[in-house]
């Protein structure tokens, strides 16, 4: 089997795992909000899924994506690819420096202050907003990867 096809297969599987996992977080949290006793378990499970599945798959996506660009070959300055790379960096930055700290804060407030506390509610609101933002960013990257639109000339 041709190396490019193997790398592409791994890339697609990593995308399914990473994006698929992230898309479920809102459902997990929404359901747990109706059963606050389950919320600590849900938030801890999201942390585990992020650290053991989604984030490693995002790293694998970067590696396999760069490998494919080299194997095809396609310049990293190709508009749709460059835009996707910039969006990837943005998603990583938001994930590391905004979403992860917010989730830590949310778990901390839940443990110390409880579900009804203003600190928890504010962290949860911020986490939801950041989750939506990062998910939209990643969905846009998937669009660029699949459609490969001519963005500029």
Protein backbone atom coordinates (compact mmCIF):
# COMPACT_ATOMS: atom_id res chain seq x y z
CA UNK A 1 0.00 0.00 0.00
CA UNK A 2 1.25 3.46 -0.87
CA UNK A 3 2.65 5.45 2.10
CA UNK A 4 0.45 8.47 1.34
CA UNK A 5 -2.72 6.38 1.64
CA UNK A 6 -1.62 4.94 4.98
CA UNK A 7 -0.79 8.41 6.31
CA UNK A 8 -4.13 9.75 5.02
CA UNK A 9 -5.98 6.85 6.68
CA UNK A 10 -4.29 7.56 10.03
CA UNK A 11 -5.03 11.28 9.57
CA UNK A 12 -8.75 10.66 8.98
CA UNK A 13 -9.01 8.25 11.93
CA UNK A 14 -7.30 10.80 14.20
CA UNK A 15 -9.69 13.52 12.99
CA UNK A 16 -12.71 11.33 13.68
CA UNK A 17 -11.47 10.52 17.18
CA UNK A 18 -10.40 14.07 18.12
CA UNK A 19 -13.29 16.04 16.67
CA UNK A 20 -15.84 13.38 17.54
CA UNK A 21 -14.74 13.35 21.17
CA UNK A 22 -14.81 17.14 21.45
CA UNK A 23 -18.27 17.44 19.92
CA UNK A 24 -19.71 15.21 22.66
CA UNK A 25 -18.55 17.41 25.55
CA UNK A 26 -21.50 19.79 25.34
CA UNK A 27 -23.91 16.85 25.48
CA UNK A 28 -22.13 15.35 28.49
CA UNK A 29 -22.20 18.65 30.39
CA UNK A 30 -25.78 19.49 29.40
CA UNK A 31 -27.05 16.12 30.62
CA UNK A 32 -25.05 16.33 33.85
CA UNK A 33 -26.46 19.80 34.58
CA UNK A 34 -29.78 18.01 35.13
CA UNK A 35 -28.07 15.64 37.60
CA UNK A 36 -25.52 17.81 39.45
CA UNK A 37 -24.33 14.88 41.56
CA UNK A 38 -22.95 13.38 38.35
CA UNK A 39 -21.19 16.58 37.26
CA UNK A 40 -17.83 15.90 38.97
CA UNK A 41 -17.64 12.51 37.23
CA UNK A 42 -18.57 14.05 33.87
CA UNK A 43 -16.02 16.88 34.12
CA UNK A 44 -13.29 14.44 35.18
CA UNK A 45 -14.21 12.10 32.31
CA UNK A 46 -13.99 14.96 29.82
CA UNK A 47 -10.53 15.74 31.20
CA UNK A 48 -9.48 12.10 30.72
CA UNK A 49 -10.90 11.95 27.18
CA UNK A 50 -9.11 15.20 26.31
CA UNK A 51 -5.74 14.18 27.71
CA UNK A 52 -5.74 10.54 26.58
CA UNK A 53 -7.61 10.63 23.29
CA UNK A 54 -8.51 14.00 21.76
CA UNK A 55 -5.29 15.94 22.37
CA UNK A 56 -2.95 13.11 21.30
CA UNK A 57 -5.06 12.73 18.16
CA UNK A 58 -4.75 16.48 17.46
CA UNK A 59 -0.98 16.07 17.72
CA UNK A 60 -1.15 13.10 15.35
CA UNK A 61 -3.25 15.22 12.97
CA UNK A 62 -0.50 17.83 12.81
CA UNK A 63 2.19 15.22 12.15
CA UNK A 64 0.24 13.29 9.52
CA UNK A 65 -0.98 16.52 7.89
CA UNK A 66 2.58 17.78 7.50
CA UNK A 67 3.65 14.36 6.22
CA UNK A 68 0.93 14.44 3.56
CA UNK A 69 1.92 17.97 2.51
CA UNK A 70 5.47 16.69 2.06
CA UNK A 71 4.47 13.48 0.26
CA UNK A 72 1.99 15.05 -2.22
CA UNK A 73 3.87 17.65 -2.34
CA UNK A 74 1.82 20.74 -1.59
CA UNK A 75 3.26 24.03 -0.33
CA UNK A 76 2.27 25.01 3.20
CA UNK A 77 1.51 28.46 1.78
CA UNK A 78 -1.37 27.10 -0.32
CA UNK A 79 -4.24 29.37 0.82
CA UNK A 80 -6.66 26.75 2.18
CA UNK A 81 -3.81 24.86 3.88
CA UNK A 82 -2.18 27.97 5.36
CA UNK A 83 -5.56 29.12 6.68
CA UNK A 84 -6.16 25.70 8.24
CA UNK A 85 -2.72 25.78 9.87
CA UNK A 86 -3.40 29.24 11.33
CA UNK A 87 -6.78 28.01 12.64
CA UNK A 88 -5.06 24.92 14.10
CA UNK A 89 -2.61 27.14 15.98
CA UNK A 90 -5.54 29.26 17.20
CA UNK A 91 -7.44 26.17 18.40
CA UNK A 92 -4.34 24.84 20.17
CA UNK A 93 -3.70 28.23 21.79
CA UNK A 94 -7.32 28.54 22.96
CA UNK A 95 -7.33 24.96 24.18
CA UNK A 96 -4.12 25.25 26.19
CA UNK A 97 -4.37 28.81 27.48
CA UNK A 98 -8.14 29.35 27.81
CA UNK A 99 -10.27 26.19 27.71
CA UNK A 100 -8.11 23.91 29.88
CA UNK A 101 -7.63 26.53 32.65
CA UNK A 102 -11.35 27.31 32.56
CA UNK A 103 -12.21 23.63 32.92
CA UNK A 104 -9.79 23.36 35.87
CA UNK A 105 -11.46 26.39 37.44
CA UNK A 106 -14.89 24.90 36.79
CA UNK A 107 -13.92 21.60 38.47
CA UNK A 108 -12.36 23.49 41.42
CA UNK A 109 -15.46 25.64 41.97
CA UNK A 110 -17.69 22.59 41.73
CA UNK A 111 -15.63 20.73 44.34
CA UNK A 112 -15.29 23.64 46.78
CA UNK A 113 -18.39 25.80 46.24
CA UNK A 114 -20.95 23.54 44.55
CA UNK A 115 -23.13 23.59 41.45
CA UNK A 116 -25.19 26.65 42.42
CA UNK A 117 -22.24 28.89 43.31
CA UNK A 118 -21.69 32.03 41.20
CA UNK A 119 -18.02 31.07 40.64
CA UNK A 120 -19.02 27.69 39.22
CA UNK A 121 -21.74 29.19 37.04
CA UNK A 122 -19.36 31.81 35.62
CA UNK A 123 -16.66 29.22 34.89
CA UNK A 124 -19.26 26.95 33.28
CA UNK A 125 -20.57 29.81 31.11
CA UNK A 126 -17.04 30.70 30.04
CA UNK A 127 -16.22 27.02 29.39
CA UNK A 128 -19.32 26.60 27.22
CA UNK A 129 -18.47 29.70 25.20
CA UNK A 130 -14.86 28.60 24.70
CA UNK A 131 -15.98 25.08 23.82
CA UNK A 132 -18.29 26.44 21.13
CA UNK A 133 -15.55 28.71 19.78
CA UNK A 134 -12.92 25.96 19.60
CA UNK A 135 -15.41 23.50 18.09
CA UNK A 136 -16.41 26.02 15.39
CA UNK A 137 -12.71 26.60 14.66
CA UNK A 138 -12.09 22.86 14.27
CA UNK A 139 -15.19 22.38 12.10
CA UNK A 140 -13.90 25.16 9.85
CA UNK A 141 -10.55 23.35 9.61
CA UNK A 142 -12.35 20.15 8.58
CA UNK A 143 -14.23 22.13 5.92
CA UNK A 144 -10.97 23.54 4.55
CA UNK A 145 -9.34 20.09 4.52
CA UNK A 146 -12.23 18.46 2.67
CA UNK A 147 -13.35 21.22 0.26
CA UNK A 148 -9.96 22.89 -0.35
CA UNK A 149 -11.57 26.15 -1.51
CA UNK A 150 -9.70 28.75 -3.52
CA UNK A 151 -9.48 31.50 -0.89
CA UNK A 152 -7.28 34.00 -2.67
CA UNK A 153 -5.43 34.13 -5.85
